[in-house]
Protein backbone atom coordinates (compact mmCIF):
# COMPACT_ATOMS: atom_id res chain seq x y z
CA MET A 1 -16.37 -67.00 38.18
CA VAL A 2 -14.86 -65.17 35.20
CA ARG A 3 -11.60 -63.43 35.91
CA ALA A 4 -11.29 -59.83 34.71
CA SER A 5 -8.79 -59.48 31.87
CA ARG A 6 -6.50 -56.58 31.35
CA ASN A 7 -7.89 -56.33 27.82
CA PRO A 8 -11.45 -54.86 27.84
CA ARG A 9 -12.20 -56.26 24.39
CA ALA A 10 -11.26 -59.75 25.54
CA ASP A 11 -13.61 -59.39 28.52
CA VAL A 12 -16.49 -58.42 26.22
CA THR A 13 -15.82 -61.43 23.98
CA VAL A 14 -15.78 -63.82 26.93
CA VAL A 15 -19.04 -62.44 28.30
CA ARG A 16 -20.64 -62.72 24.87
CA HIS A 17 -19.66 -66.39 24.53
CA ILE A 18 -21.03 -67.12 28.00
CA ALA A 19 -24.30 -65.38 27.14
CA ILE A 20 -24.61 -67.46 23.95
CA ARG A 21 -24.07 -70.72 25.87
CA ILE A 22 -26.65 -69.70 28.46
CA MET A 23 -29.18 -68.83 25.75
CA SER A 24 -28.56 -72.16 23.99
CA SER A 25 -29.02 -74.06 27.24
CA LEU A 26 -32.19 -72.10 28.01
CA GLN A 27 -33.61 -72.84 24.56
CA GLU A 28 -32.94 -76.59 25.02
CA GLN A 29 -34.71 -76.57 28.37
CA LEU A 30 -37.74 -74.76 26.90
CA LEU A 31 -37.90 -77.30 24.05
CA LYS A 32 -37.74 -80.24 26.45
CA ALA A 33 -40.45 -78.70 28.63
CA GLY A 34 -42.68 -78.21 25.57
CA LEU A 35 -43.06 -74.50 26.24
CA VAL A 36 -41.79 -73.59 22.75
CA ASP A 37 -41.34 -75.46 19.48
CA GLN A 38 -38.53 -75.43 16.95
CA LYS A 39 -40.36 -73.10 14.57
CA LYS A 40 -40.76 -70.41 17.21
CA LEU A 41 -37.13 -70.67 18.16
CA ALA A 42 -36.08 -70.43 14.51
CA ARG A 43 -38.32 -67.41 14.02
CA ALA A 44 -36.93 -65.75 17.14
CA GLU A 45 -33.38 -66.47 15.99
CA GLN A 46 -34.17 -64.98 12.60
CA GLU A 47 -35.57 -61.81 14.15
CA LYS A 48 -32.53 -61.54 16.38
CA ASN A 49 -30.21 -61.88 13.38
CA LYS A 50 -32.16 -59.17 11.48
CA ARG A 51 -31.84 -56.78 14.39
CA ALA A 52 -28.12 -57.51 14.66
CA GLN A 53 -27.62 -56.91 10.92
CA SER A 54 -29.58 -53.68 11.08
CA THR A 55 -27.44 -52.49 13.98
CA ARG A 56 -24.25 -53.35 12.12
CA ARG A 57 -25.45 -51.50 9.00
CA LYS A 58 -26.21 -48.39 11.03
CA GLN A 59 -22.85 -48.55 12.74
CA GLY A 60 -21.08 -49.22 9.46
CA LYS A 61 -22.48 -46.18 7.70
CA LYS A 62 -20.04 -43.49 6.61
CA ARG A 63 -19.39 -40.72 9.01
CA PRO A 64 -21.57 -37.69 8.35
CA GLN A 65 -20.16 -34.95 6.17
CA PRO A 66 -18.90 -31.77 7.87
CA ASP A 67 -21.69 -29.56 9.09
CA SER A 68 -22.84 -27.66 5.99
CA ALA A 69 -24.17 -24.76 8.07
CA ARG A 70 -20.80 -24.33 9.73
CA GLN A 71 -19.05 -24.47 6.36
CA GLN A 72 -21.41 -21.85 4.94
CA ALA A 73 -20.76 -19.61 7.94
CA GLN A 74 -17.00 -19.96 7.42
CA ASN A 75 -17.38 -19.14 3.71
CA LYS A 76 -19.45 -16.05 4.50
CA LYS A 77 -16.92 -14.87 7.06
CA ALA A 78 -14.08 -15.34 4.58
CA GLN A 79 -16.05 -13.36 1.97
CA ARG A 80 -16.72 -10.55 4.47
CA ASP A 81 -13.04 -10.45 5.40
CA ARG A 82 -12.06 -10.18 1.73
CA GLU A 83 -14.56 -7.38 1.12
CA LEU A 84 -13.42 -5.52 4.25
CA ASN A 85 -9.78 -5.84 3.23
CA GLN A 86 -10.59 -4.58 -0.28
CA LYS A 87 -12.50 -1.63 1.18
CA ARG A 88 -9.57 -0.74 3.43
CA GLN A 89 -7.19 -0.87 0.48
CA GLN A 90 -9.46 1.41 -1.55
CA GLN A 91 -9.70 3.86 1.35
CA ALA A 92 -5.92 3.87 1.74
CA GLN A 93 -5.46 4.52 -1.99
CA GLN A 94 -8.04 7.30 -1.92
CA LYS A 95 -6.31 8.90 1.06
CA GLU A 96 -2.98 8.72 -0.73
CA ARG A 97 -4.41 10.33 -3.89
CA ALA A 98 -5.95 13.12 -1.79
CA ALA A 99 -2.57 13.80 -0.17
CA GLN A 100 -0.92 13.96 -3.59
CA ALA A 101 -3.58 16.38 -4.86
CA LYS A 102 -3.13 18.66 -1.85
CA GLN A 103 0.63 18.74 -2.31
CA LEU A 104 0.18 19.69 -5.96
CA PHE A 105 -2.20 22.43 -4.82
CA ASP A 106 0.19 23.81 -2.19
CA THR A 107 3.40 23.69 -4.21
CA ASN A 108 2.07 25.00 -7.54
CA LYS A 109 -0.40 27.75 -6.65
CA LEU A 110 0.30 31.05 -8.37
CA ASP A 111 1.10 34.26 -6.54
CA ARG A 112 -1.93 36.55 -6.20
CA SER A 113 -0.42 38.95 -3.68
CA GLN A 114 -0.51 41.78 -6.24
CA GLY A 115 -4.07 41.05 -7.29
CA GLU A 116 -6.33 44.08 -7.46
CA HIS A 117 -9.04 42.88 -9.82
CA PRO A 118 -11.97 40.84 -8.47
CA TYR A 119 -12.83 37.68 -10.36
CA GLY A 120 -16.19 36.09 -9.61
CA PHE A 121 -17.23 32.47 -10.19
CA VAL A 122 -19.82 30.01 -8.95
CA TYR A 123 -18.85 27.20 -6.59
CA ARG A 124 -21.51 24.75 -5.33
CA GLY A 125 -24.29 27.14 -6.18
CA LYS A 126 -22.72 30.15 -4.45
CA VAL A 127 -20.90 33.10 -5.95
CA LYS A 128 -17.27 33.33 -4.85
CA LYS A 129 -14.69 36.04 -5.50
CA ILE A 130 -10.92 36.15 -5.55
CA TYR A 131 -8.54 38.98 -6.38
CA VAL A 132 -6.16 38.51 -9.29
CA THR A 133 -3.85 40.59 -11.43
CA ALA A 134 -5.02 41.93 -14.77
CA GLU A 135 -2.90 39.34 -16.57
CA GLN A 136 -4.30 36.50 -14.46
CA ARG A 137 -7.85 37.71 -15.09
CA ASP A 138 -7.28 37.64 -18.84
CA GLN A 139 -5.81 34.17 -18.62
CA LEU A 140 -8.80 32.95 -16.60
CA VAL A 141 -11.15 34.34 -19.21
CA ALA A 142 -9.16 32.55 -21.90
CA SER A 143 -9.17 29.33 -19.81
CA LYS A 144 -5.40 29.40 -19.61
CA LEU A 145 -5.55 29.19 -15.82
CA ALA A 146 -7.59 26.98 -13.51
CA ILE A 147 -9.03 27.55 -10.06
CA ALA A 148 -8.68 24.86 -7.43
CA THR A 149 -9.96 24.74 -3.87
CA CYS A 150 -8.80 23.07 -0.70
CA VAL A 151 -9.88 23.12 2.94
CA THR A 152 -7.12 24.15 5.34
CA ASN A 153 -6.89 25.16 8.98
CA GLU A 154 -7.79 28.69 7.92
CA GLY A 155 -10.87 27.49 6.05
CA ARG A 156 -11.53 26.92 2.37
CA ARG A 157 -9.01 28.46 0.01
CA PHE A 158 -9.20 29.14 -3.71
CA GLU A 159 -5.99 29.36 -5.71
CA LEU A 160 -4.89 29.72 -9.33
CA LEU A 161 -3.06 26.84 -10.98
CA PRO A 162 -1.50 26.22 -14.39
CA PRO A 163 -3.62 23.87 -16.56
CA ALA A 164 -1.02 21.08 -16.44
CA VAL A 165 -1.11 21.01 -12.63
CA ALA A 166 -4.89 21.20 -12.63
CA GLU A 167 -5.03 18.13 -14.85
CA LYS A 168 -2.82 16.14 -12.45
CA ILE A 169 -5.06 17.19 -9.57
CA ARG A 170 -8.13 16.15 -11.58
CA GLN A 171 -6.65 12.65 -11.96
CA ARG A 172 -6.37 12.35 -8.18
CA ASP A 173 -9.29 14.36 -6.81
CA GLU A 174 -11.49 16.13 -9.33
CA THR A 175 -13.63 17.67 -6.56
CA MET A 176 -10.80 20.14 -5.88
CA LEU A 177 -11.24 21.83 -9.25
CA VAL A 178 -13.73 24.63 -9.84
CA ASP A 179 -15.74 24.36 -13.05
CA LEU A 180 -15.37 27.68 -14.81
CA GLY A 181 -17.56 26.74 -17.76
CA GLU A 182 -16.61 26.50 -21.41
CA PRO A 183 -13.18 27.92 -22.29
CA ALA A 184 -13.10 31.09 -24.32
CA LYS A 185 -12.07 30.67 -27.96
CA THR A 186 -8.81 32.33 -28.95
CA SER A 187 -7.17 32.61 -32.32
CA SER A 188 -3.76 31.54 -31.09
CA ASP A 189 -2.05 30.15 -27.97
CA GLU A 190 1.30 31.66 -28.78
CA ASN A 191 1.02 34.10 -25.87
CA ASP A 192 0.16 31.45 -23.27
CA PRO A 193 2.86 31.83 -20.57
CA TYR A 194 2.06 28.35 -19.16
CA ALA A 195 2.12 26.42 -22.42
CA ASP A 196 5.46 24.86 -21.52
CA TYR A 197 4.82 24.58 -17.79
CA GLN A 198 6.38 21.36 -16.48
CA VAL A 199 4.82 19.61 -13.52
CA PRO A 200 7.35 17.67 -11.41
CA ASP A 201 6.61 13.96 -11.15
CA ASP A 202 8.88 13.34 -8.15
CA LEU A 203 6.33 14.44 -5.58
CA ILE A 204 6.91 13.32 -1.99
CA TRP A 205 4.09 12.17 0.33
C-alpha cells in the first residue's frame, strides 16, 4: 500500500513509477506467454513515446496572445472617449465665445432712444425696421455703423454698434451681425465719430 504524501507532486511521481513497473512486468509476461513479440512491443513503445512528445509540445507552446477582439474593443472605446472629450471642449469654447459676444453686444450698443427715422434692412429673408436718429441713419448708409442682433427674454433685438465692436463680435459669433450689403463709398472718413472708438479688452464672463 502506498502512503499518501503531503506533497501532491511526489505522490504523482510515485504512482507513475509504479505504473511503469507494472507495465514492464505485464510486457514480460506477455512475451513469455507468446501473446506478443518484441517487434510489437517496440512499435507500441514507439507510438507511446510519440504521443507523449506530442502532448509535451502542445503543453510547451507559448501562451496565446491577448484576445485581439478585446484589444480592438478597448482601442475603439479609447478613441470614442477622446472624440467625446474633444467635442465637449469645443462646445465649451463655443459657449464661452457666445457669452463674450453677448456681453460686447449689451455693453456697447448705441442709444437709439431719440430715434425718429425708420431704417429698413433684410434679415434672414425678411424685412426688418429699427428707428434711428438722422445722424445714425447717415452713418449706417456710409457703413460707419453696424447692426447686430441677439435673442433675449423679450425676444430678438437689433442694436447699433461701432465697427470696432462689430468686428470683435464677428470673431466670436458672426451670426449675430446683420449683413447690410456693400458699404457706401465716401470721399473721406474725417467725419467718422467712431474712427477712434476703443473696445475694452478686459471683458468679464
